């Protein structure tokens, strides 16, 4: 089947994490890394109890998590589920962020 183009918006921190991890893991490009992640997920067919809740958070909360994950990635420090769970809990308890108005609003 022929490939097709897809695009997504990422925070600057999340994009930087992707570039760093692609290099660290030896992928030839950022795109190859993303394809590898999708393929790995398809092979494992596991649940996403830690990262799925990110999708329901505000972009400001997601950006705060991405900033912390970028710091860890730059230092070469991996964290597991408990760290992410605590980080998410802190974001949920933070005062509701003010979202910038969306384009066209």
PDB file of N, CA and C in Angstrom:
ATOM      1  N   UNK A   1       0.846  -1.171   0.000  1.00  0.00           N
ATOM      2  CA  UNK A   1       0.000   0.000   0.000  1.00  0.00           C
ATOM      3  C   UNK A   1       0.893   1.236   0.000  1.00  0.00           C
ATOM      4  N   UNK A   2       0.511   2.223  -0.746  1.00  0.00           N
ATOM      5  CA  UNK A   2       1.287   3.461  -0.844  1.00  0.00           C
ATOM      6  C   UNK A   2       1.204   4.239   0.463  1.00  0.00           C
ATOM      7  N   UNK A   3       2.289   4.927   0.781  1.00  0.00           N
ATOM      8  CA  UNK A   3       2.311   5.769   1.985  1.00  0.00           C
ATOM      9  C   UNK A   3       1.504   7.030   1.741  1.00  0.00           C
ATOM     10  N   UNK A   4       0.988   7.594   2.811  1.00  0.00           N
ATOM     11  CA  UNK A   4       0.300   8.875   2.728  1.00  0.00           C
ATOM     12  C   UNK A   4       0.841   9.784   3.819  1.00  0.00           C
ATOM     13  N   UNK A   5       0.741  11.065   3.609  1.00  0.00           N
ATOM     14  CA  UNK A   5       1.238  12.034   4.579  1.00  0.00           C
ATOM     15  C   UNK A   5       0.186  12.318   5.642  1.00  0.00           C
ATOM     16  N   UNK A   6       0.641  12.452   6.875  1.00  0.00           N
ATOM     17  CA  UNK A   6      -0.202  12.828   8.000  1.00  0.00           C
ATOM     18  C   UNK A   6       0.583  13.849   8.802  1.00  0.00           C
ATOM     19  N   UNK A   7      -0.106  14.787   9.390  1.00  0.00           N
ATOM     20  CA  UNK A   7       0.607  15.779  10.195  1.00  0.00           C
ATOM     21  C   UNK A   7      -0.059  15.905  11.557  1.00  0.00           C
ATOM     22  N   UNK A   8       0.752  16.252  12.547  1.00  0.00           N
ATOM     23  CA  UNK A   8       0.263  16.485  13.898  1.00  0.00           C
ATOM     24  C   UNK A   8       0.966  17.714  14.454  1.00  0.00           C
ATOM     25  N   UNK A   9       0.332  18.345  15.425  1.00  0.00           N
ATOM     26  CA  UNK A   9       0.956  19.459  16.128  1.00  0.00           C
ATOM     27  C   UNK A   9       1.550  18.919  17.415  1.00  0.00           C
ATOM     28  N   UNK A  10       2.790  19.307  17.689  1.00  0.00           N
ATOM     29  CA  UNK A  10       3.470  18.917  18.914  1.00  0.00           C
ATOM     30  C   UNK A  10       3.985  20.166  19.599  1.00  0.00           C
ATOM     31  N   UNK A  11       4.046  20.114  20.924  1.00  0.00           N
ATOM     32  CA  UNK A  11       4.711  21.196  21.635  1.00  0.00           C
ATOM     33  C   UNK A  11       6.180  21.170  21.232  1.00  0.00           C
ATOM     34  N   UNK A  12       6.846  22.304  21.366  1.00  0.00           N
ATOM     35  CA  UNK A  12       8.273  22.368  21.027  1.00  0.00           C
ATOM     36  C   UNK A  12       9.056  21.362  21.873  1.00  0.00           C
ATOM     37  N   UNK A  13       8.690  21.224  23.157  1.00  0.00           N
ATOM     38  CA  UNK A  13       9.389  20.280  24.030  1.00  0.00           C
ATOM     39  C   UNK A  13       9.190  18.839  23.579  1.00  0.00           C
ATOM     40  N   UNK A  14       7.977  18.480  23.217  1.00  0.00           N
ATOM     41  CA  UNK A  14       7.708  17.106  22.786  1.00  0.00           C
ATOM     42  C   UNK A  14       8.433  16.806  21.472  1.00  0.00           C
ATOM     43  N   UNK A  15       8.474  17.775  20.558  1.00  0.00           N
ATOM     44  CA  UNK A  15       9.212  17.588  19.308  1.00  0.00           C
ATOM     45  C   UNK A  15      10.694  17.395  19.593  1.00  0.00           C
ATOM     46  N   UNK A  16      11.231  18.170  20.534  1.00  0.00           N
ATOM     47  CA  UNK A  16      12.647  18.038  20.891  1.00  0.00           C
ATOM     48  C   UNK A  16      12.924  16.674  21.528  1.00  0.00           C
ATOM     49  N   UNK A  17      12.008  16.210  22.376  1.00  0.00           N
ATOM     50  CA  UNK A  17      12.153  14.874  22.969  1.00  0.00           C
ATOM     51  C   UNK A  17      12.237  13.831  21.854  1.00  0.00           C
ATOM     52  N   UNK A  18      11.356  13.937  20.873  1.00  0.00           N
ATOM     53  CA  UNK A  18      11.357  12.991  19.760  1.00  0.00           C
ATOM     54  C   UNK A  18      12.672  13.004  19.009  1.00  0.00           C
ATOM     55  N   UNK A  19      13.205  14.182  18.746  1.00  0.00           N
ATOM     56  CA  UNK A  19      14.489  14.278  18.041  1.00  0.00           C
ATOM     57  C   UNK A  19      15.608  13.651  18.863  1.00  0.00           C
ATOM     58  N   UNK A  20      15.645  13.966  20.154  1.00  0.00           N
ATOM     59  CA  UNK A  20      16.686  13.418  21.025  1.00  0.00           C
ATOM     60  C   UNK A  20      16.599  11.899  21.123  1.00  0.00           C
ATOM     61  N   UNK A  21      15.390  11.387  21.344  1.00  0.00           N
ATOM     62  CA  UNK A  21      15.231   9.934  21.481  1.00  0.00           C
ATOM     63  C   UNK A  21      15.544   9.217  20.179  1.00  0.00           C
ATOM     64  N   UNK A  22      15.170   9.800  19.042  1.00  0.00           N
ATOM     65  CA  UNK A  22      15.496   9.194  17.756  1.00  0.00           C
ATOM     66  C   UNK A  22      17.013   9.052  17.621  1.00  0.00           C
ATOM     67  N   UNK A  23      17.747  10.101  17.982  1.00  0.00           N
ATOM     68  CA  UNK A  23      19.213  10.060  17.919  1.00  0.00           C
ATOM     69  C   UNK A  23      19.762   9.036  18.910  1.00  0.00           C
ATOM     70  N   UNK A  24      19.269   9.078  20.153  1.00  0.00           N
ATOM     71  CA  UNK A  24      19.772   8.180  21.192  1.00  0.00           C
ATOM     72  C   UNK A  24      19.575   6.714  20.822  1.00  0.00           C
ATOM     73  N   UNK A  25      18.469   6.418  20.172  1.00  0.00           N
ATOM     74  CA  UNK A  25      18.138   5.041  19.837  1.00  0.00           C
ATOM     75  C   UNK A  25      18.700   4.591  18.494  1.00  0.00           C
ATOM     76  N   UNK A  26      19.259   5.528  17.730  1.00  0.00           N
ATOM     77  CA  UNK A  26      19.870   5.178  16.457  1.00  0.00           C
ATOM     78  C   UNK A  26      18.936   5.145  15.262  1.00  0.00           C
ATOM     79  N   UNK A  27      17.765   5.751  15.381  1.00  0.00           N
ATOM     80  CA  UNK A  27      16.871   5.821  14.225  1.00  0.00           C
ATOM     81  C   UNK A  27      17.483   6.762  13.192  1.00  0.00           C
ATOM     82  N   UNK A  28      17.280   6.494  11.904  1.00  0.00           N
ATOM     83  CA  UNK A  28      17.861   7.356  10.879  1.00  0.00           C
ATOM     84  C   UNK A  28      17.195   8.725  10.774  1.00  0.00           C
ATOM     85  N   UNK A  29      15.990   8.848  11.321  1.00  0.00           N
ATOM     86  CA  UNK A  29      15.270  10.126  11.251  1.00  0.00           C
ATOM     87  C   UNK A  29      14.179  10.161  12.315  1.00  0.00           C
ATOM     88  N   UNK A  30      13.641  11.348  12.518  1.00  0.00           N
ATOM     89  CA  UNK A  30      12.534  11.529  13.451  1.00  0.00           C
ATOM     90  C   UNK A  30      11.320  10.740  12.966  1.00  0.00           C
ATOM     91  N   UNK A  31      11.060  10.784  11.674  1.00  0.00           N
ATOM     92  CA  UNK A  31       9.923  10.055  11.114  1.00  0.00           C
ATOM     93  C   UNK A  31      10.034   8.556  11.316  1.00  0.00           C
ATOM     94  N   UNK A  32      11.255   8.028  11.161  1.00  0.00           N
ATOM     95  CA  UNK A  32      11.468   6.599  11.376  1.00  0.00           C
ATOM     96  C   UNK A  32      11.200   6.235  12.836  1.00  0.00           C
ATOM     97  N   UNK A  33      11.549   7.135  13.746  1.00  0.00           N
ATOM     98  CA  UNK A  33      11.289   6.924  15.174  1.00  0.00           C
ATOM     99  C   UNK A  33       9.780   6.864  15.443  1.00  0.00           C
ATOM    100  N   UNK A  34       9.033   7.796  14.886  1.00  0.00           N
ATOM    101  CA  UNK A  34       7.574   7.819  15.080  1.00  0.00           C
ATOM    102  C   UNK A  34       6.954   6.542  14.510  1.00  0.00           C
ATOM    103  N   UNK A  35       7.387   6.143  13.327  1.00  0.00           N
ATOM    104  CA  UNK A  35       6.887   4.894  12.738  1.00  0.00           C
ATOM    105  C   UNK A  35       7.219   3.714  13.651  1.00  0.00           C
ATOM    106  N   UNK A  36       8.432   3.728  14.226  1.00  0.00           N
ATOM    107  CA  UNK A  36       8.826   2.664  15.140  1.00  0.00           C
ATOM    108  C   UNK A  36       7.931   2.593  16.363  1.00  0.00           C
ATOM    109  N   UNK A  37       7.566   3.768  16.902  1.00  0.00           N
ATOM    110  CA  UNK A  37       6.672   3.797  18.068  1.00  0.00           C
ATOM    111  C   UNK A  37       5.305   3.207  17.733  1.00  0.00           C
ATOM    112  N   UNK A  38       4.777   3.587  16.580  1.00  0.00           N
ATOM    113  CA  UNK A  38       3.462   3.077  16.174  1.00  0.00           C
ATOM    114  C   UNK A  38       3.528   1.568  15.934  1.00  0.00           C
ATOM    115  N   UNK A  39       4.588   1.126  15.281  1.00  0.00           N
ATOM    116  CA  UNK A  39       4.737  -0.311  15.036  1.00  0.00           C
ATOM    117  C   UNK A  39       4.878  -1.085  16.339  1.00  0.00           C
ATOM    118  N   UNK A  40       5.680  -0.560  17.242  1.00  0.00           N
ATOM    119  CA  UNK A  40       5.856  -1.225  18.536  1.00  0.00           C
ATOM    120  C   UNK A  40       4.513  -1.335  19.258  1.00  0.00           C
ATOM    121  N   UNK A  41       3.757  -0.251  19.279  1.00  0.00           N
ATOM    122  CA  UNK A  41       2.446  -0.271  19.928  1.00  0.00           C
ATOM    123  C   UNK A  41       1.527  -1.294  19.273  1.00  0.00           C
ATOM    124  N   UNK A  42       1.572  -1.378  17.945  1.00  0.00           N
ATOM    125  CA  UNK A  42       0.730  -2.344  17.233  1.00  0.00           C
ATOM    126  C   UNK A  42       1.142  -3.787  17.555  1.00  0.00           C
ATOM    127  N   UNK A  43       2.441  -4.011  17.725  1.00  0.00           N
ATOM    128  CA  UNK A  43       2.913  -5.358  18.058  1.00  0.00           C
ATOM    129  C   UNK A  43       2.529  -5.753  19.477  1.00  0.00           C
ATOM    130  N   UNK A  44       2.651  -4.829  20.405  1.00  0.00           N
ATOM    131  CA  UNK A  44       2.409  -5.121  21.818  1.00  0.00           C
ATOM    132  C   UNK A  44       0.916  -5.173  22.134  1.00  0.00           C
ATOM    133  N   UNK A  45       0.140  -4.297  21.503  1.00  0.00           N
ATOM    134  CA  UNK A  45      -1.313  -4.223  21.727  1.00  0.00           C
ATOM    135  C   UNK A  45      -1.651  -4.037  23.210  1.00  0.00           C
ATOM    136  N   UNK A  46      -0.854  -3.244  23.914  1.00  0.00           N
ATOM    137  CA  UNK A  46      -1.083  -3.019  25.332  1.00  0.00           C
ATOM    138  C   UNK A  46      -1.953  -1.804  25.595  1.00  0.00           C
ATOM    139  N   UNK A  47      -2.397  -1.717  26.823  1.00  0.00           N
ATOM    140  CA  UNK A  47      -3.163  -0.556  27.274  1.00  0.00           C
ATOM    141  C   UNK A  47      -2.208   0.626  27.487  1.00  0.00           C
ATOM    142  N   UNK A  48      -2.740   1.812  27.601  1.00  0.00           N
ATOM    143  CA  UNK A  48      -1.949   3.021  27.818  1.00  0.00           C
ATOM    144  C   UNK A  48      -2.451   3.753  29.072  1.00  0.00           C
ATOM    145  N   UNK A  49      -2.408   3.093  30.230  1.00  0.00           N
ATOM    146  CA  UNK A  49      -2.999   3.700  31.435  1.00  0.00           C
ATOM    147  C   UNK A  49      -2.264   4.935  31.933  1.00  0.00           C
ATOM    148  N   UNK A  50      -1.009   5.108  31.587  1.00  0.00           N
ATOM    149  CA  UNK A  50      -0.268   6.282  32.034  1.00  0.00           C
ATOM    150  C   UNK A  50      -0.413   7.432  31.049  1.00  0.00           C
ATOM    151  N   UNK A  51      -0.232   7.175  29.771  1.00  0.00           N
ATOM    152  CA  UNK A  51      -0.225   8.266  28.795  1.00  0.00           C
ATOM    153  C   UNK A  51      -1.594   8.630  28.228  1.00  0.00           C
ATOM    154  N   UNK A  52      -2.537   7.712  28.210  1.00  0.00           N
ATOM    155  CA  UNK A  52      -3.862   8.023  27.663  1.00  0.00           C
ATOM    156  C   UNK A  52      -4.528   9.202  28.371  1.00  0.00           C
ATOM    157  N   UNK A  53      -4.443   9.305  29.691  1.00  0.00           N
ATOM    158  CA  UNK A  53      -5.078  10.450  30.356  1.00  0.00           C
ATOM    159  C   UNK A  53      -4.519  11.807  29.933  1.00  0.00           C
ATOM    160  N   UNK A  54      -3.304  11.840  29.379  1.00  0.00           N
ATOM    161  CA  UNK A  54      -2.756  13.120  28.900  1.00  0.00           C
ATOM    162  C   UNK A  54      -3.688  13.746  27.868  1.00  0.00           C
ATOM    163  N   UNK A  55      -4.316  12.906  27.053  1.00  0.00           N
ATOM    164  CA  UNK A  55      -5.163  13.401  25.977  1.00  0.00           C
ATOM    165  C   UNK A  55      -6.332  14.241  26.491  1.00  0.00           C
ATOM    166  N   UNK A  56      -6.764  13.999  27.723  1.00  0.00           N
ATOM    167  CA  UNK A  56      -7.870  14.754  28.289  1.00  0.00           C
ATOM    168  C   UNK A  56      -7.448  16.004  29.049  1.00  0.00           C
ATOM    169  N   UNK A  57      -6.150  16.236  29.156  1.00  0.00           N
ATOM    170  CA  UNK A  57      -5.652  17.408  29.874  1.00  0.00           C
ATOM    171  C   UNK A  57      -5.609  18.614  28.951  1.00  0.00           C
ATOM    172  N   UNK A  58      -5.584  19.773  29.556  1.00  0.00           N
ATOM    173  CA  UNK A  58      -5.446  20.997  28.768  1.00  0.00           C
ATOM    174  C   UNK A  58      -4.061  21.031  28.138  1.00  0.00           C
ATOM    175  N   UNK A  59      -3.912  21.816  27.093  1.00  0.00           N
ATOM    176  CA  UNK A  59      -2.602  21.923  26.466  1.00  0.00           C
ATOM    177  C   UNK A  59      -1.578  22.516  27.427  1.00  0.00           C
ATOM    178  N   UNK A  60      -1.998  23.392  28.313  1.00  0.00           N
ATOM    179  CA  UNK A  60      -1.081  23.969  29.297  1.00  0.00           C
ATOM    180  C   UNK A  60      -0.572  22.891  30.240  1.00  0.00           C
ATOM    181  N   UNK A  61      -1.453  22.002  30.684  1.00  0.00           N
ATOM    182  CA  UNK A  61      -1.031  20.900  31.551  1.00  0.00           C
ATOM    183  C   UNK A  61      -0.115  19.944  30.795  1.00  0.00           C
ATOM    184  N   UNK A  62      -0.454  19.634  29.547  1.00  0.00           N
ATOM    185  CA  UNK A  62       0.390  18.760  28.742  1.00  0.00           C
ATOM    186  C   UNK A  62       1.769  19.391  28.536  1.00  0.00           C
ATOM    187  N   UNK A  63       1.803  20.694  28.297  1.00  0.00           N
ATOM    188  CA  UNK A  63       3.076  21.389  28.089  1.00  0.00           C
ATOM    189  C   UNK A  63       3.959  21.315  29.333  1.00  0.00           C
ATOM    190  N   UNK A  64       3.359  21.407  30.518  1.00  0.00           N
ATOM    191  CA  UNK A  64       4.134  21.308  31.757  1.00  0.00           C
ATOM    192  C   UNK A  64       4.752  19.918  31.889  1.00  0.00           C
ATOM    193  N   UNK A  65       4.003  18.900  31.550  1.00  0.00           N
ATOM    194  CA  UNK A  65       4.523  17.529  31.596  1.00  0.00           C
ATOM    195  C   UNK A  65       5.627  17.359  30.557  1.00  0.00           C
ATOM    196  N   UNK A  66       5.392  17.868  29.344  1.00  0.00           N
ATOM    197  CA  UNK A  66       6.399  17.761  28.291  1.00  0.00           C
ATOM    198  C   UNK A  66       7.701  18.449  28.694  1.00  0.00           C
ATOM    199  N   UNK A  67       7.608  19.594  29.360  1.00  0.00           N
ATOM    200  CA  UNK A  67       8.808  20.325  29.793  1.00  0.00           C
ATOM    201  C   UNK A  67       9.627  19.476  30.765  1.00  0.00           C
ATOM    202  N   UNK A  68       8.952  18.827  31.702  1.00  0.00           N
ATOM    203  CA  UNK A  68       9.650  17.970  32.671  1.00  0.00           C
ATOM    204  C   UNK A  68      10.258  16.756  31.972  1.00  0.00           C
ATOM    205  N   UNK A  69       9.526  16.160  31.050  1.00  0.00           N
ATOM    206  CA  UNK A  69      10.046  15.005  30.325  1.00  0.00           C
ATOM    207  C   UNK A  69      11.243  15.387  29.453  1.00  0.00           C
ATOM    208  N   UNK A  70      11.232  16.598  28.897  1.00  0.00           N
ATOM    209  CA  UNK A  70      12.377  17.049  28.119  1.00  0.00           C
ATOM    210  C   UNK A  70      13.610  17.194  29.009  1.00  0.00           C
ATOM    211  N   UNK A  71      13.429  17.764  30.185  1.00  0.00           N
ATOM    212  CA  UNK A  71      14.560  17.887  31.124  1.00  0.00           C
ATOM    213  C   UNK A  71      15.150  16.499  31.407  1.00  0.00           C
ATOM    214  N   UNK A  72      14.290  15.543  31.681  1.00  0.00           N
ATOM    215  CA  UNK A  72      14.758  14.180  31.963  1.00  0.00           C
ATOM    216  C   UNK A  72      15.473  13.570  30.759  1.00  0.00           C
ATOM    217  N   UNK A  73      14.923  13.783  29.574  1.00  0.00           N
ATOM    218  CA  UNK A  73      15.513  13.225  28.363  1.00  0.00           C
ATOM    219  C   UNK A  73      16.890  13.833  28.116  1.00  0.00           C
ATOM    220  N   UNK A  74      17.013  15.132  28.325  1.00  0.00           N
ATOM    221  CA  UNK A  74      18.306  15.793  28.131  1.00  0.00           C
ATOM    222  C   UNK A  74      19.347  15.277  29.119  1.00  0.00           C
ATOM    223  N   UNK A  75      18.912  14.904  30.304  1.00  0.00           N
ATOM    224  CA  UNK A  75      19.819  14.376  31.327  1.00  0.00           C
ATOM    225  C   UNK A  75      20.026  12.865  31.179  1.00  0.00           C
ATOM    226  N   UNK A  76      19.236  12.232  30.313  1.00  0.00           N
ATOM    227  CA  UNK A  76      19.338  10.788  30.145  1.00  0.00           C
ATOM    228  C   UNK A  76      18.717  10.030  31.299  1.00  0.00           C
ATOM    229  N   UNK A  77      17.727  10.635  31.930  1.00  0.00           N
ATOM    230  CA  UNK A  77      17.072  10.029  33.085  1.00  0.00           C
ATOM    231  C   UNK A  77      15.711   9.491  32.666  1.00  0.00           C
ATOM    232  N   UNK A  78      15.528   8.197  32.801  1.00  0.00           N
ATOM    233  CA  UNK A  78      14.237   7.592  32.516  1.00  0.00           C
ATOM    234  C   UNK A  78      13.394   7.515  33.780  1.00  0.00           C
ATOM    235  N   UNK A  79      12.121   7.611  33.623  1.00  0.00           N
ATOM    236  CA  UNK A  79      11.191   7.484  34.737  1.00  0.00           C
ATOM    237  C   UNK A  79      10.161   6.438  34.357  1.00  0.00           C
ATOM    238  N   UNK A  80       9.548   5.868  35.342  1.00  0.00           N
ATOM    239  CA  UNK A  80       8.536   4.855  35.076  1.00  0.00           C
ATOM    240  C   UNK A  80       7.164   5.365  35.511  1.00  0.00           C
ATOM    241  N   UNK A  81       6.209   4.499  35.481  1.00  0.00           N
ATOM    242  CA  UNK A  81       4.811   4.842  35.705  1.00  0.00           C
ATOM    243  C   UNK A  81       4.516   5.678  36.935  1.00  0.00           C
ATOM    244  N   UNK A  82       5.163   5.392  38.051  1.00  0.00           N
ATOM    245  CA  UNK A  82       4.850   6.131  39.274  1.00  0.00           C
ATOM    246  C   UNK A  82       5.206   7.608  39.146  1.00  0.00           C
ATOM    247  N   UNK A  83       6.322   7.909  38.502  1.00  0.00           N
ATOM    248  CA  UNK A  83       6.700   9.296  38.290  1.00  0.00           C
ATOM    249  C   UNK A  83       5.639  10.011  37.463  1.00  0.00           C
ATOM    250  N   UNK A  84       5.256   9.388  36.348  1.00  0.00           N
ATOM    251  CA  UNK A  84       4.271  10.019  35.477  1.00  0.00           C
ATOM    252  C   UNK A  84       2.928  10.164  36.183  1.00  0.00           C
ATOM    253  N   UNK A  85       2.546   9.179  36.957  1.00  0.00           N
ATOM    254  CA  UNK A  85       1.282   9.258  37.695  1.00  0.00           C
ATOM    255  C   UNK A  85       1.308  10.434  38.671  1.00  0.00           C
ATOM    256  N   UNK A  86       2.417  10.612  39.384  1.00  0.00           N
ATOM    257  CA  UNK A  86       2.520  11.749  40.319  1.00  0.00           C
ATOM    258  C   UNK A  86       2.504  13.077  39.577  1.00  0.00           C
ATOM    259  N   UNK A  87       3.213  13.136  38.464  1.00  0.00           N
ATOM    260  CA  UNK A  87       3.242  14.362  37.673  1.00  0.00           C
ATOM    261  C   UNK A  87       1.849  14.717  37.172  1.00  0.00           C
ATOM    262  N   UNK A  88       1.110  13.717  36.701  1.00  0.00           N
ATOM    263  CA  UNK A  88      -0.251  13.961  36.233  1.00  0.00           C
ATOM    264  C   UNK A  88      -1.153  14.413  37.367  1.00  0.00           C
ATOM    265  N   UNK A  89      -1.025  13.816  38.533  1.00  0.00           N
ATOM    266  CA  UNK A  89      -1.842  14.212  39.682  1.00  0.00           C
ATOM    267  C   UNK A  89      -1.597  15.666  40.050  1.00  0.00           C
ATOM    268  N   UNK A  90      -0.327  16.079  40.023  1.00  0.00           N
ATOM    269  CA  UNK A  90      -0.011  17.489  40.320  1.00  0.00           C
ATOM    270  C   UNK A  90      -0.669  18.409  39.307  1.00  0.00           C
ATOM    271  N   UNK A  91      -0.667  18.014  38.041  1.00  0.00           N
ATOM    272  CA  UNK A  91      -1.278  18.841  37.011  1.00  0.00           C
ATOM    273  C   UNK A  91      -2.795  18.912  37.179  1.00  0.00           C
ATOM    274  N   UNK A  92      -3.404  17.823  37.583  1.00  0.00           N
ATOM    275  CA  UNK A  92      -4.858  17.812  37.801  1.00  0.00           C
ATOM    276  C   UNK A  92      -5.248  18.717  38.961  1.00  0.00           C
ATOM    277  N   UNK A  93      -4.379  18.801  39.982  1.00  0.00           N
ATOM    278  CA  UNK A  93      -4.674  19.604  41.159  1.00  0.00           C
ATOM    279  C   UNK A  93      -4.326  21.077  40.974  1.00  0.00           C
ATOM    280  N   UNK A  94      -3.555  21.386  39.945  1.00  0.00           N
ATOM    281  CA  UNK A  94      -3.168  22.775  39.690  1.00  0.00           C
ATOM    282  C   UNK A  94      -4.416  23.573  39.318  1.00  0.00           C
ATOM    283  N   UNK A  95      -4.403  24.875  39.602  1.00  0.00           N
ATOM    284  CA  UNK A  95      -5.548  25.692  39.204  1.00  0.00           C
ATOM    285  C   UNK A  95      -5.771  25.591  37.703  1.00  0.00           C
ATOM    286  N   UNK A  96      -7.017  25.649  37.273  1.00  0.00           N
ATOM    287  CA  UNK A  96      -7.282  25.535  35.835  1.00  0.00           C
ATOM    288  C   UNK A  96      -6.523  26.608  35.064  1.00  0.00           C
ATOM    289  N   UNK A  97      -5.790  26.215  34.043  1.00  0.00           N
ATOM    290  CA  UNK A  97      -5.019  27.188  33.277  1.00  0.00           C
ATOM    291  C   UNK A  97      -5.921  28.003  32.368  1.00  0.00           C
ATOM    292  N   UNK A  98      -5.449  29.149  32.029  1.00  0.00           N
ATOM    293  CA  UNK A  98      -6.162  29.987  31.068  1.00  0.00           C
ATOM    294  C   UNK A  98      -5.665  29.612  29.688  1.00  0.00           C
ATOM    295  N   UNK A  99      -6.560  29.089  28.884  1.00  0.00           N
ATOM    296  CA  UNK A  99      -6.200  28.688  27.529  1.00  0.00           C
ATOM    297  C   UNK A  99      -6.233  29.922  26.652  1.00  0.00           C
ATOM    298  N   UNK A 100      -5.236  30.072  25.753  1.00  0.00           N
ATOM    299  CA  UNK A 100      -5.308  31.178  24.815  1.00  0.00           C
ATOM    300  C   UNK A 100      -6.476  30.959  23.862  1.00  0.00           C
ATOM    301  N   UNK A 101      -7.079  32.038  23.397  1.00  0.00           N
ATOM    302  CA  UNK A 101      -8.209  31.872  22.475  1.00  0.00           C
ATOM    303  C   UNK A 101      -7.766  31.131  21.226  1.00  0.00           C
ATOM    304  N   UNK A 102      -8.612  30.235  20.735  1.00  0.00           N
ATOM    305  CA  UNK A 102      -8.271  29.484  19.535  1.00  0.00           C
ATOM    306  C   UNK A 102      -8.379  30.402  18.318  1.00  0.00           C
ATOM    307  N   UNK A 103      -7.645  30.040  17.275  1.00  0.00           N
ATOM    308  CA  UNK A 103      -7.687  30.821  16.051  1.00  0.00           C
ATOM    309  C   UNK A 103      -9.103  30.796  15.494  1.00  0.00           C
ATOM    310  N   UNK A 104      -9.530  31.918  14.997  1.00  0.00           N
ATOM    311  CA  UNK A 104     -10.853  31.998  14.414  1.00  0.00           C
ATOM    312  C   UNK A 104     -11.943  32.278  15.426  1.00  0.00           C
ATOM    313  N   UNK A 105     -11.570  32.397  16.716  1.00  0.00           N
ATOM    314  CA  UNK A 105     -12.578  32.648  17.749  1.00  0.00           C
ATOM    315  C   UNK A 105     -12.849  34.121  17.876  1.00  0.00           C
TER     316      UNK A 105
END
